[in-house]
Structure formats: C-alpha cells, structure tokens
Amino acid sequence: MYPYNKRASNITGVFFLIIFLLVFIGIGWLLFIDKSKFWDWLPIVSIISSLANLILFIFFFAKRSNLFGYLFTLFFIIFITGIILSSFFGPFKLYKDAMDYFENKQYSQSAQKLKILVNNYPNSRYIKDATKNLAYSYYLNGNYSNAIFYFNDSIKKEYVDKENIEIKKILAECYYKTAEQYFSDKDFINSGDNFLSSITYFEDILKNFPDTNEAFIAKYKIPELLYKAALAYKNDQKWDKAIDILKKLKEGYADNEFGQKADDVLFDIYASKAKVLKQNNQIKDSLIEFVKVFSL
C-alpha cells in the first residue's frame, strides 16, 4: 500500500480550485459581454463542474482534508445553483414555455415568449427556431403583418428555405390578408402594394409548382387580387398604375369574371381622369382620356 502524500494532495486541491475559480470568472465575464451565450453555456458548464466538484469533495473528505472538502462543497452548491437557474430563467425557459403554448394552440402567448427571446437573446442557440416559430405563431394568430416581418427575417438569415412552397403559400396569404385590412382602413397605397406582393408569390407558385393544389389555388386567386389591387390604386387616384394592372388582367384572364369586370373599372378611371383634367383646364388631355372611354 502506498503512503498518503498530503503535499501532493494539497497541490491537486489548489490546482482544481484555481480551475474552478477561472471557470466561475469566465462565466461571469460571458454574462457581461453576451448574456445569450451565458445562458447557453451555463447549464453545460454547471453540469460538468458540479460533477467534478462532487468527486473532489468526496475524495478530500475521505482523505480528511476538510478545508478542500468544504471548498469543493461550496463550488458544488454554486454550480448546482447554475443548473437550477438555467432551468427557470433565460432562453431555454422562454423557448420551452413558448412551445408548450404553441402545442396547445395558444399562439398569442407563444408569440409573447418568443418575441422576448428573439429581442433579448439574439445570439442564443435557440434563436433560429425561435424566429421561425415566432413567424408561425403570428400567422396562426392572425397577426399577418408581424408574420410577414418574421418570415422575411427568417428567409434573410437563412433560417427557412425561401424556395419552400409552404413558405411561399403562407406569405401569399399573409400579404393578401394584410392588403384587405389596409383596404378596409382606406390605406389604399399599402393595400395595393400588399396585393401585388401576394400576386408575386402566387405567380411564383404557379410557375415553379404547376402540378400542385397550391398552383390550382393560385390560378384562381391571381385575377381576383389583380382586380382588387387595381381598385386600391384607383381609389387613391394612382390611375396609371391601376390601368396597367387592369390591362394585365384583361390580357391574361379575359374569360375570368374579374377580367370581364376590368372594363367597368377602366371606364370609371378614364372618366375620372377626364373630369379632373377638365377642371384643371387641360382640355386637350381631358378629351384624350374621354375618347378612351369609347374604345371600351
């Protein structure tokens, strides 16, 4: 049997104490410079360090080196506290609670938790899934403008595949719903712009996924959206833009009910332009617009 070497044991104890002090200081420094990374690393460092301290305080108490035993017990308690804190605070807790709400279809509460995570912990390892699920939470809760923002943010940061048909379909719907809300609020410019954005996604689906159900829906929706976009611009007296859209509607969807309604809107636009030009004493231009009425 080898004799117990107290001096070597003390050197070992001091060495590990220095290591754990450096770990403790490093975690504190991480909290100061990046709290996202702090909360990501805290449970990992705490688990490893608490296990190491458990072994060390058992070893030193067994060797009757009570001072080191007590010190390693203290560090063990500190790192166990770190594990507990990471379970009740920070991005892990926020994400877990958010996904519990999401699975229970409580999308408003899910969005609240995920938004805190995204805003306060932008460098967290949960940020990718949090941003995607925040977009879905807003979408499923009917908050389409915020859904658009976070889906586009996810695309920009490559958290989602921009060529995914599901993403295209959702964005087409979100822009469409947002456009209708703007139209209801009489914000016709934003309404028209959002209708056109929706059309862009539906046309993309129709072109790149022609044999899908989504393409069938797109072919049905596009003429209606063109018509509504033209109405929005007409109501804001953006007549030239409305005319271009109505011409596109007539050329591409002449047999569609909305294509057939295009002439009625064009009639109103030409008549309105002629009236305004006449009021401004632009008689020649007024007559030109009035003559266009007969071409219909």
Protein backbone atom coordinates (compact mmCIF):
# COMPACT_ATOMS: atom_id res chain seq x y z
CA MET A 1 0.00 0.00 0.00
CA TYR A 2 1.29 3.47 -0.93
CA PRO A 3 1.51 6.09 1.85
CA TYR A 4 -0.83 9.12 1.66
CA ASN A 5 1.06 12.10 0.17
CA LYS A 6 -0.50 15.17 1.82
CA ARG A 7 1.65 17.67 -0.08
CA ALA A 8 0.67 16.23 -3.48
CA SER A 9 -2.95 16.21 -2.38
CA ASN A 10 -2.78 19.89 -1.41
CA ILE A 11 -1.20 20.80 -4.74
CA THR A 12 -4.01 18.93 -6.52
CA GLY A 13 -6.61 20.74 -4.43
CA VAL A 14 -5.11 24.15 -5.16
CA PHE A 15 -4.88 23.33 -8.87
CA PHE A 16 -8.57 22.44 -9.12
CA LEU A 17 -9.59 25.41 -7.01
CA ILE A 18 -7.82 27.70 -9.45
CA ILE A 19 -9.52 25.92 -12.38
CA PHE A 20 -12.98 26.37 -10.87
CA LEU A 21 -12.29 30.00 -9.96
CA LEU A 22 -11.29 30.65 -13.57
CA VAL A 23 -14.46 28.90 -14.77
CA PHE A 24 -16.54 30.99 -12.40
CA ILE A 25 -14.85 34.21 -13.58
CA GLY A 26 -15.23 33.16 -17.23
CA ILE A 27 -18.97 32.58 -16.85
CA GLY A 28 -19.32 35.98 -15.15
CA TRP A 29 -17.38 37.65 -17.97
CA LEU A 30 -19.63 35.91 -20.52
CA LEU A 31 -22.70 37.31 -18.73
CA PHE A 32 -21.21 40.79 -19.04
CA ILE A 33 -20.36 40.61 -22.77
CA ASP A 34 -23.11 38.34 -24.16
CA LYS A 35 -25.99 37.16 -21.99
CA SER A 36 -27.28 34.92 -24.82
CA LYS A 37 -24.10 32.84 -24.76
CA PHE A 38 -24.04 33.00 -20.95
CA TRP A 39 -27.39 31.22 -20.69
CA ASP A 40 -26.42 28.75 -23.42
CA TRP A 41 -23.19 27.77 -21.69
CA LEU A 42 -24.35 27.99 -18.07
CA PRO A 43 -26.10 24.57 -17.88
CA ILE A 44 -23.26 22.79 -19.74
CA VAL A 45 -20.51 24.29 -17.58
CA SER A 46 -22.55 23.83 -14.41
CA ILE A 47 -23.26 20.14 -15.02
CA ILE A 48 -19.63 19.30 -15.79
CA SER A 49 -18.27 21.41 -12.92
CA SER A 50 -20.78 20.14 -10.34
CA LEU A 51 -19.91 16.51 -11.19
CA ALA A 52 -16.19 17.28 -10.90
CA ASN A 53 -16.72 19.05 -7.57
CA LEU A 54 -18.81 16.14 -6.27
CA ILE A 55 -15.93 13.74 -6.96
CA LEU A 56 -13.37 16.12 -5.46
CA PHE A 57 -15.18 16.89 -2.22
CA ILE A 58 -15.80 13.15 -1.65
CA PHE A 59 -12.12 12.48 -2.31
CA PHE A 60 -10.83 15.20 0.04
CA PHE A 61 -13.27 14.37 2.83
CA ALA A 62 -12.16 10.75 2.52
CA LYS A 63 -8.55 11.93 2.90
CA ARG A 64 -9.59 14.05 5.90
CA SER A 65 -8.56 17.22 4.08
CA ASN A 66 -11.58 19.10 5.37
CA LEU A 67 -10.62 22.57 4.09
CA PHE A 68 -10.55 21.46 0.46
CA GLY A 69 -13.61 19.30 1.07
CA TYR A 70 -15.59 22.31 2.27
CA LEU A 71 -14.34 24.49 -0.60
CA PHE A 72 -15.31 21.94 -3.22
CA THR A 73 -18.67 21.52 -1.48
CA LEU A 74 -19.18 25.27 -1.86
CA PHE A 75 -18.34 25.14 -5.56
CA PHE A 76 -20.63 22.12 -5.95
CA ILE A 77 -23.52 24.13 -4.49
CA ILE A 78 -22.70 27.13 -6.70
CA PHE A 79 -22.72 25.07 -9.90
CA ILE A 80 -25.86 23.17 -8.90
CA THR A 81 -27.46 26.60 -8.45
CA GLY A 82 -26.36 27.41 -12.02
CA ILE A 83 -28.19 24.32 -13.31
CA ILE A 84 -31.33 25.33 -11.42
CA LEU A 85 -31.18 28.94 -12.65
CA SER A 86 -30.82 27.85 -16.28
CA SER A 87 -33.99 25.77 -15.88
CA PHE A 88 -36.08 28.72 -14.64
CA PHE A 89 -34.60 31.72 -16.46
CA GLY A 90 -33.11 32.68 -19.80
CA PRO A 91 -33.77 31.48 -23.37
CA PHE A 92 -34.21 27.79 -22.52
CA LYS A 93 -37.12 28.54 -20.20
CA LEU A 94 -38.64 31.05 -22.61
CA TYR A 95 -38.43 28.66 -25.55
CA LYS A 96 -39.82 25.72 -23.57
CA ASP A 97 -42.78 27.78 -22.32
CA ALA A 98 -43.38 29.21 -25.80
CA MET A 99 -43.50 25.77 -27.41
CA ASP A 100 -45.84 24.49 -24.70
CA TYR A 101 -48.20 27.36 -25.56
CA PHE A 102 -47.73 26.67 -29.29
CA GLU A 103 -48.60 22.98 -28.96
CA ASN A 104 -51.73 23.96 -27.02
CA LYS A 105 -52.67 26.43 -29.81
CA GLN A 106 -52.23 29.44 -27.51
CA TYR A 107 -50.44 31.35 -30.24
CA SER A 108 -50.65 34.80 -28.68
CA GLN A 109 -48.87 33.65 -25.51
CA SER A 110 -46.37 31.70 -27.60
CA ALA A 111 -45.56 34.81 -29.63
CA GLN A 112 -45.06 36.89 -26.48
CA LYS A 113 -42.48 34.46 -25.09
CA LEU A 114 -40.69 34.02 -28.41
CA LYS A 115 -40.50 37.75 -29.03
CA ILE A 116 -38.80 38.26 -25.64
CA LEU A 117 -36.31 35.54 -26.58
CA VAL A 118 -35.63 37.00 -30.03
CA ASN A 119 -35.25 40.55 -28.74
CA ASN A 120 -33.22 39.81 -25.60
CA TYR A 121 -31.13 36.80 -26.64
CA PRO A 122 -30.26 37.30 -30.33
CA ASN A 123 -27.15 35.08 -30.16
CA SER A 124 -28.78 32.18 -28.35
CA ARG A 125 -28.67 28.69 -29.84
CA TYR A 126 -32.49 28.84 -29.80
CA ILE A 127 -32.67 31.95 -32.00
CA LYS A 128 -33.15 30.09 -35.30
CA ASP A 129 -36.12 28.02 -34.15
CA ALA A 130 -37.47 30.90 -32.06
CA THR A 131 -37.58 33.27 -35.05
CA LYS A 132 -39.26 30.68 -37.29
CA ASN A 133 -41.81 29.73 -34.67
CA LEU A 134 -42.47 33.38 -33.85
CA ALA A 135 -43.45 33.88 -37.51
CA TYR A 136 -45.74 30.83 -37.38
CA SER A 137 -47.25 31.97 -34.07
CA TYR A 138 -48.16 35.37 -35.52
CA TYR A 139 -49.50 33.73 -38.68
CA LEU A 140 -51.69 31.23 -36.83
CA ASN A 141 -52.91 34.01 -34.52
CA GLY A 142 -53.97 36.16 -37.49
CA ASN A 143 -51.31 38.83 -36.97
CA TYR A 144 -50.29 38.82 -40.61
CA SER A 145 -48.13 41.95 -40.76
CA ASN A 146 -45.85 40.66 -37.97
CA ALA A 147 -45.85 37.22 -39.57
CA ILE A 148 -44.58 38.79 -42.82
CA PHE A 149 -41.80 40.58 -40.95
CA TYR A 150 -40.51 37.48 -39.16
CA PHE A 151 -40.89 35.14 -42.15
CA ASN A 152 -38.88 37.59 -44.26
CA ASP A 153 -36.34 37.91 -41.43
CA SER A 154 -36.07 34.10 -41.32
CA ILE A 155 -35.55 34.00 -45.09
CA LYS A 156 -32.91 36.73 -44.94
CA LYS A 157 -30.99 34.89 -42.21
CA GLU A 158 -31.49 31.55 -43.99
CA TYR A 159 -33.43 30.04 -41.10
CA VAL A 160 -36.01 28.83 -43.64
CA ASP A 161 -35.73 27.86 -47.29
CA LYS A 162 -37.15 30.67 -49.41
CA GLU A 163 -37.94 28.13 -52.17
CA ASN A 164 -40.16 26.08 -49.87
CA ILE A 165 -43.69 26.03 -51.28
CA GLU A 166 -45.24 26.16 -47.81
CA ILE A 167 -43.39 29.42 -47.04
CA LYS A 168 -44.44 30.91 -50.38
CA LYS A 169 -48.07 29.91 -49.77
CA ILE A 170 -48.08 31.40 -46.27
CA LEU A 171 -46.52 34.68 -47.41
CA ALA A 172 -49.00 34.93 -50.30
CA GLU A 173 -51.85 34.56 -47.82
CA CYS A 174 -50.29 36.97 -45.30
CA TYR A 175 -49.83 39.72 -47.91
CA TYR A 176 -53.38 39.13 -49.16
CA LYS A 177 -54.90 39.38 -45.66
CA THR A 178 -52.80 42.45 -44.85
CA ALA A 179 -53.89 44.11 -48.11
CA GLU A 180 -57.53 43.56 -47.26
CA GLN A 181 -57.03 45.09 -43.82
CA TYR A 182 -55.36 48.15 -45.35
CA PHE A 183 -58.22 48.43 -47.85
CA SER A 184 -60.74 48.30 -45.01
CA ASP A 185 -58.77 51.07 -43.26
CA LYS A 186 -58.79 53.11 -46.51
CA ASP A 187 -54.99 52.97 -46.71
CA PHE A 188 -55.18 52.25 -50.42
CA ILE A 189 -51.49 52.58 -51.34
CA ASN A 190 -50.37 49.99 -48.80
CA SER A 191 -53.35 47.87 -49.77
CA GLY A 192 -52.38 47.87 -53.44
CA ASP A 193 -48.71 47.20 -52.68
CA ASN A 194 -49.58 44.22 -50.50
CA PHE A 195 -51.97 42.82 -53.10
CA LEU A 196 -49.12 42.97 -55.64
CA SER A 197 -46.74 41.22 -53.20
CA SER A 198 -49.31 38.47 -52.75
CA ILE A 199 -49.63 38.14 -56.52
CA THR A 200 -45.85 37.80 -56.84
CA TYR A 201 -45.85 34.74 -54.56
CA PHE A 202 -48.90 33.19 -56.22
CA GLU A 203 -47.31 33.64 -59.66
CA ASP A 204 -44.11 32.06 -58.34
CA ILE A 205 -46.09 29.03 -57.12
CA LEU A 206 -47.96 28.78 -60.43
CA LYS A 207 -44.70 28.89 -62.38
CA ASN A 208 -42.49 26.63 -60.26
CA PHE A 209 -45.04 24.20 -58.81
CA PRO A 210 -47.58 23.88 -61.65
CA ASP A 211 -48.94 20.43 -60.72
CA THR A 212 -49.77 21.17 -57.08
CA ASN A 213 -53.00 22.09 -55.33
CA GLU A 214 -51.35 25.37 -54.38
CA ALA A 215 -50.89 26.18 -58.09
CA PHE A 216 -54.58 25.48 -58.72
CA ILE A 217 -55.49 27.91 -55.91
CA ALA A 218 -53.01 30.47 -57.24
CA LYS A 219 -54.55 30.39 -60.71
CA TYR A 220 -57.93 31.03 -59.11
CA LYS A 221 -56.72 33.83 -56.81
CA ILE A 222 -54.48 35.88 -59.11
CA PRO A 223 -57.23 37.58 -61.22
CA GLU A 224 -59.18 38.48 -58.06
CA LEU A 225 -56.04 40.02 -56.50
CA LEU A 226 -55.21 41.94 -59.67
CA TYR A 227 -58.72 43.36 -59.67
CA LYS A 228 -58.52 44.36 -56.00
CA ALA A 229 -55.07 45.90 -56.44
CA ALA A 230 -56.41 48.00 -59.33
CA LEU A 231 -59.34 49.15 -57.20
CA ALA A 232 -56.99 50.14 -54.38
CA TYR A 233 -54.80 52.26 -56.66
CA LYS A 234 -57.89 53.71 -58.37
CA ASN A 235 -59.28 54.82 -55.01
CA ASP A 236 -56.01 56.66 -54.31
CA GLN A 237 -56.10 58.19 -57.82
CA LYS A 238 -52.98 56.27 -58.87
CA TRP A 239 -54.76 55.84 -62.16
CA ASP A 240 -51.84 54.92 -64.41
CA LYS A 241 -50.80 52.10 -62.10
CA ALA A 242 -54.39 50.88 -61.88
CA ILE A 243 -54.70 50.98 -65.70
CA ASP A 244 -51.53 48.87 -66.15
CA ILE A 245 -52.87 46.24 -63.74
CA LEU A 246 -56.29 46.17 -65.42
CA LYS A 247 -54.70 45.72 -68.84
CA LYS A 248 -52.69 42.80 -67.48
CA LEU A 249 -55.90 41.37 -66.04
CA LYS A 250 -57.72 41.68 -69.37
CA GLU A 251 -54.85 40.15 -71.34
CA GLY A 252 -54.20 37.21 -69.05
CA TYR A 253 -57.66 36.45 -67.70
CA ALA A 254 -60.16 37.66 -70.29
CA ASP A 255 -62.54 34.78 -69.60
CA ASN A 256 -62.45 35.22 -65.84
CA GLU A 257 -65.23 37.16 -64.09
CA PHE A 258 -62.69 39.68 -62.80
CA GLY A 259 -61.18 40.06 -66.26
CA GLN A 260 -64.67 40.88 -67.54
CA LYS A 261 -65.13 43.48 -64.78
CA ALA A 262 -61.92 45.26 -65.79
CA ASP A 263 -63.66 47.34 -68.49
CA ASP A 264 -66.07 48.80 -65.93
CA VAL A 265 -63.19 49.98 -63.74
CA LEU A 266 -61.28 51.31 -66.74
CA PHE A 267 -64.40 53.24 -67.77
CA ASP A 268 -64.55 54.88 -64.33
CA ILE A 269 -60.82 55.69 -64.40
CA TYR A 270 -60.87 57.30 -67.87
CA ALA A 271 -63.97 59.30 -66.98
CA SER A 272 -62.48 60.43 -63.66
CA LYS A 273 -59.19 61.43 -65.29
CA ALA A 274 -61.04 63.36 -67.99
CA LYS A 275 -63.08 65.20 -65.35
CA VAL A 276 -60.04 66.15 -63.27
CA LEU A 277 -58.08 67.30 -66.33
CA LYS A 278 -61.00 69.44 -67.46
CA GLN A 279 -61.21 71.03 -64.01
CA ASN A 280 -57.51 71.89 -64.36
CA ASN A 281 -58.18 73.47 -67.80
CA GLN A 282 -56.18 70.72 -69.53
CA ILE A 283 -58.87 70.43 -72.20
CA LYS A 284 -56.83 68.55 -74.81
CA ASP A 285 -55.65 65.87 -72.35
CA SER A 286 -59.18 65.66 -70.98
CA LEU A 287 -60.56 64.91 -74.45
CA ILE A 288 -57.90 62.21 -75.00
CA GLU A 289 -58.94 60.43 -71.82
CA PHE A 290 -62.62 60.83 -72.69
CA VAL A 291 -62.08 59.27 -76.13
CA LYS A 292 -60.55 56.20 -74.42
CA VAL A 293 -63.98 55.55 -72.90
CA PHE A 294 -65.34 54.78 -76.37
CA SER A 295 -62.54 52.28 -77.01
CA LEU A 296 -64.12 50.09 -74.34
